[in-house]
Protein backbone atom coordinates (compact mmCIF):
# COMPACT_ATOMS: atom_id res chain seq x y z
CA MET A 1 0.82 55.74 114.34
CA ARG A 2 1.95 53.37 111.64
CA LYS A 3 -1.64 52.82 110.57
CA GLN A 4 -2.25 56.57 110.25
CA THR A 5 0.96 56.97 108.23
CA LEU A 6 -0.10 54.16 105.90
CA ILE A 7 -3.51 55.71 105.36
CA PHE A 8 -1.94 59.08 104.65
CA MET A 9 0.40 57.54 102.06
CA LEU A 10 -2.47 55.73 100.35
CA VAL A 11 -4.54 58.91 100.20
CA LEU A 12 -1.58 60.85 98.83
CA ALA A 13 -0.92 58.20 96.15
CA ALA A 14 -4.60 58.27 95.12
CA LEU A 15 -4.48 62.08 94.79
CA LEU A 16 -1.45 61.80 92.50
CA VAL A 17 -2.84 58.99 90.33
CA LEU A 18 -6.41 60.23 89.84
CA PRO A 19 -5.54 63.38 87.83
CA ILE A 20 -3.31 61.30 85.54
CA ALA A 21 -6.07 58.73 84.98
CA ALA A 22 -8.64 61.48 84.40
CA HIS A 23 -6.37 63.15 81.83
CA ALA A 24 -5.89 59.84 80.00
CA GLN A 25 -9.64 59.26 79.89
CA ALA A 26 -10.19 62.83 78.69
CA ILE A 27 -8.15 62.28 75.51
CA ASP A 28 -10.80 61.49 72.88
CA PRO A 29 -9.07 59.95 69.83
CA VAL A 30 -11.88 61.12 67.50
CA ALA A 31 -11.40 64.69 68.79
CA VAL A 32 -7.68 64.44 68.02
CA VAL A 33 -8.38 63.35 64.43
CA SER A 34 -11.12 65.96 64.06
CA GLY A 35 -8.76 68.70 65.28
CA PHE A 36 -6.09 67.59 62.81
CA LEU A 37 -8.56 67.62 59.90
CA THR A 38 -9.91 71.03 60.92
CA ASP A 39 -6.42 72.55 61.00
CA ILE A 40 -4.98 70.52 58.11
CA ASP A 41 -4.33 73.56 55.91
CA ASP A 42 -2.42 75.36 58.66
CA PRO A 43 1.04 73.74 59.11
CA SER A 44 1.74 75.50 62.43
CA LYS A 45 -1.36 73.88 63.92
CA SER A 46 -1.68 70.56 62.09
CA ILE A 47 1.78 69.28 63.06
CA THR A 48 0.93 69.65 66.77
CA TYR A 49 -1.46 66.70 66.45
CA LEU A 50 1.22 64.38 65.02
CA ALA A 51 3.65 62.10 66.84
CA ASP A 52 7.39 62.54 66.18
CA ASP A 53 7.45 59.14 64.39
CA VAL A 54 4.17 59.59 62.51
CA HIS A 55 3.51 57.70 59.29
CA ILE A 56 1.16 59.37 56.76
CA GLN A 57 0.10 57.89 53.44
CA ILE A 58 -2.38 58.39 50.64
CA PHE A 59 -3.73 55.41 48.73
CA PRO A 60 -3.61 55.43 45.75
CA PRO A 61 -0.71 57.93 45.82
CA PRO A 62 -1.22 61.28 44.03
CA GLY A 63 1.45 60.77 41.41
CA ILE A 64 4.99 60.37 42.76
CA GLY A 65 5.25 59.92 46.53
CA GLY A 66 2.25 59.62 48.76
CA THR A 67 4.11 58.65 51.95
CA TRP A 68 5.51 60.91 54.68
CA ASP A 69 7.41 59.76 57.80
CA GLY A 70 8.71 61.35 61.00
CA LYS A 71 9.15 65.02 61.85
CA ALA A 72 10.49 66.00 58.47
CA GLY A 73 7.74 64.06 56.71
CA ALA A 74 5.10 65.74 58.90
CA GLN A 75 6.40 69.15 57.95
CA ALA A 76 6.46 68.24 54.26
CA TYR A 77 2.92 66.84 54.39
CA ALA A 78 1.65 69.91 56.26
CA GLN A 79 3.08 72.12 53.50
CA PHE A 80 1.57 69.85 50.83
CA SER A 81 -1.85 70.16 52.46
CA LYS A 82 -1.51 73.95 52.62
CA ASP A 83 -0.45 74.19 48.99
CA GLN A 84 -3.50 72.12 48.01
CA ASP A 85 -5.79 74.37 50.15
CA THR A 86 -7.13 71.19 51.71
CA LYS A 87 -10.62 71.23 53.21
CA VAL A 88 -12.08 68.12 54.87
CA GLN A 89 -15.66 67.36 55.94
CA MET A 90 -16.18 64.48 58.36
CA LEU A 91 -19.26 62.34 57.60
CA GLY A 92 -21.43 60.09 59.76
CA ASN A 93 -20.33 58.19 62.87
CA TRP A 94 -16.71 57.32 63.53
CA LEU A 95 -15.54 53.95 64.90
CA VAL A 96 -12.91 53.63 67.62
CA THR A 97 -11.24 50.28 68.30
CA HIS A 98 -8.21 49.32 70.40
CA ASP A 99 -5.02 47.66 69.11
CA ALA A 100 -6.67 46.65 65.84
CA LEU A 101 -5.30 45.83 62.42
CA VAL A 102 -4.52 48.96 60.38
CA VAL A 103 -3.00 49.80 57.01
CA VAL A 104 0.78 49.94 57.55
CA SER A 105 2.00 49.88 53.93
CA SER A 106 0.73 50.49 50.41
CA ALA A 107 3.88 49.31 48.65
CA ALA A 108 3.60 47.91 45.13
CA GLY A 109 0.04 49.15 44.78
CA ALA A 110 -1.39 46.84 47.45
CA LEU A 111 -2.66 47.55 50.94
CA GLU A 112 -0.84 45.62 53.66
CA MET A 113 -2.20 45.23 57.15
CA GLY A 114 -0.41 45.20 60.47
CA LYS A 115 -1.17 45.58 64.16
CA VAL A 116 -0.35 48.90 65.83
CA ASN A 117 -0.94 49.62 69.52
CA GLY A 118 -3.29 52.51 70.19
CA ASP A 119 -6.81 53.69 69.42
CA GLN A 120 -7.75 53.12 65.81
CA VAL A 121 -10.11 55.77 64.43
CA THR A 122 -11.99 54.96 61.21
CA GLY A 123 -14.49 57.09 59.32
CA THR A 124 -15.51 58.72 56.05
CA VAL A 125 -14.66 62.20 54.82
CA LYS A 126 -15.10 64.37 51.75
CA VAL A 127 -11.85 65.99 50.56
CA ASP A 128 -11.70 69.29 48.65
CA VAL A 129 -8.32 70.20 47.21
CA VAL A 130 -6.98 72.37 44.39
CA ASP A 131 -6.29 69.52 41.97
CA PHE A 132 -9.73 67.94 42.49
CA ARG A 133 -11.32 71.34 41.83
CA LYS A 134 -9.38 71.74 38.59
CA LEU A 135 -10.59 68.35 37.47
CA GLY A 136 -14.19 69.18 38.40
CA VAL A 137 -14.60 66.25 40.79
CA SER A 138 -14.22 67.95 44.18
CA PRO A 139 -15.05 66.89 46.82
CA VAL A 140 -13.81 63.30 46.68
CA GLU A 141 -14.83 60.76 49.29
CA HIS A 142 -12.12 58.98 51.27
CA THR A 143 -11.93 56.57 54.15
CA ILE A 144 -9.70 57.72 57.01
CA GLN A 145 -7.82 55.22 59.13
CA ALA A 146 -5.76 56.74 61.96
CA VAL A 147 -4.02 55.45 65.08
CA VAL A 148 -3.87 57.72 68.10
CA GLN A 149 -1.41 57.08 70.94
CA ASN A 150 -1.25 59.27 74.04
CA GLY A 151 -3.20 62.04 72.33
CA LYS A 152 -0.97 62.12 69.22
CA ILE A 153 -1.55 60.68 65.74
CA LYS A 154 0.84 57.76 65.20
CA SER A 155 -0.36 56.85 61.71
CA PHE A 156 -2.79 58.42 59.27
CA THR A 157 -4.01 56.82 56.04
CA TRP A 158 -6.25 58.25 53.33
CA ILE A 159 -7.94 55.54 51.23
CA MET A 160 -9.87 56.49 48.11
CA PRO A 161 -12.66 53.95 47.42
CA GLN A 162 -12.89 52.26 44.04
CA LYS A 163 -15.94 54.24 42.94
CA GLU A 164 -14.05 57.51 43.47
CA GLN A 165 -10.94 56.15 41.77
CA THR A 166 -13.14 55.40 38.72
CA ARG A 167 -14.65 58.90 38.81
CA LEU A 168 -11.22 60.54 39.15
CA GLY A 169 -9.81 58.39 36.36
CA ALA A 170 -12.59 59.39 34.03
CA ALA A 171 -12.04 63.08 34.80
CA ILE A 172 -8.31 62.78 34.16
CA ALA A 173 -8.94 60.96 30.87
CA ALA A 174 -11.34 63.71 29.80
CA VAL A 175 -8.80 66.43 30.61
CA GLN A 176 -6.10 64.52 28.76
CA GLN A 177 -8.28 64.10 25.67
CA LYS A 178 -9.19 67.77 25.69
CA THR A 179 -5.85 69.37 26.39
CA LEU A 180 -3.19 66.96 25.11
CA PRO A 181 -2.97 68.42 21.56
CA THR A 182 -2.21 71.94 22.92
CA ALA A 183 -1.00 71.71 26.51
CA GLY A 184 1.47 68.82 26.31
CA ALA A 185 3.61 67.99 29.29
CA SER A 186 3.88 71.59 30.48
CA ASP A 187 0.64 71.41 32.43
CA PRO A 188 1.56 70.48 36.04
CA LEU A 189 -1.92 69.14 36.75
CA ASN A 190 -1.72 66.84 33.74
CA SER A 191 1.73 65.52 34.52
CA LEU A 192 0.93 64.88 38.21
CA TRP A 193 -2.42 63.20 37.82
CA LEU A 194 -1.57 61.27 34.65
CA ILE A 195 1.05 59.46 36.71
CA GLY A 196 -1.64 58.82 39.30
CA LEU A 197 -4.04 57.56 36.64
CA GLY A 198 -1.37 55.16 35.40
CA GLY A 199 -1.14 53.80 38.92
CA LEU A 200 -4.92 53.32 39.04
CA VAL A 201 -4.93 51.47 35.71
CA LEU A 202 -2.10 49.18 36.86
CA LEU A 203 -3.88 48.58 40.16
CA GLY A 204 -7.09 47.62 38.38
CA ALA A 205 -5.22 45.25 36.07
CA GLY A 206 -3.51 43.64 39.03
CA LEU A 207 -6.76 43.15 40.92
CA ALA A 208 -8.40 41.63 37.84
CA LEU A 209 -5.48 39.21 37.34
CA ARG A 210 -5.62 38.28 41.05
CA ARG A 211 -9.33 37.47 40.77
CA LYS A 212 -8.73 35.22 37.74
CA ARG A 213 -6.00 33.29 39.59
CA VAL A 214 -8.27 32.78 42.57
C-alpha cells in the first residue's frame, strides 16, 4: 500500500513539474527580443515585453538622456519610440549566451561591462527613425545587446558602431553648415543632434588620447 502511494505521489509530482519545465523551455529569448522590436512603435504592446526593473540605453546617447529605467522609464521610452516612428529590421543570425558579460553602463562616454544573470541576446539591426530620415542617413545600423529573464527583457542596449557614428556626424555637420545662417537654434533637429555630435567628437578625442597613453 505504501509503495503504491509513493508511486502515485511521484507520478503526480512529475505531472506538475513537466508543464512548468516545458513552458520554461518554450520561452525563446530571441523571439522575445524580436517581438519587442516588431511592436516598438506601439507603447501598449512594447512595454509588455519589458521587466518592471528594465534598463534601456542608447550609445552614444541621442542628445540629452539616452537611459531609461524601471516602469516609468519603460513608458517614457515607449513614447519616445512612437514619437520617432521607429522601425527596426533584424539582420543575420542572433547569438544567445547564458550569464555573460553585457553592457551595464555608458556613463562618461565609455561602455562599462558587468555580469547579468539571464539569456544574453546579441545581433545586428537597421534602425529607421524620424531624425535619421531628416538627416538623410536612415536606416542606421546598430548592435543590439539584450538580457532576457523569465520571458521578459531585463536590459536592452543599442550600440551604434563607429562607422555609423562617422556617417551620422558627417550628416549633422552638413546640415549645420547648410542651415546655421538661417535656422539658428530654433530647429529642434539641429539642437538635438548637435548635442549628440558634440558627444561623438568628445568620445573620439577621448579614444584617441587613450590610444596614445597605451
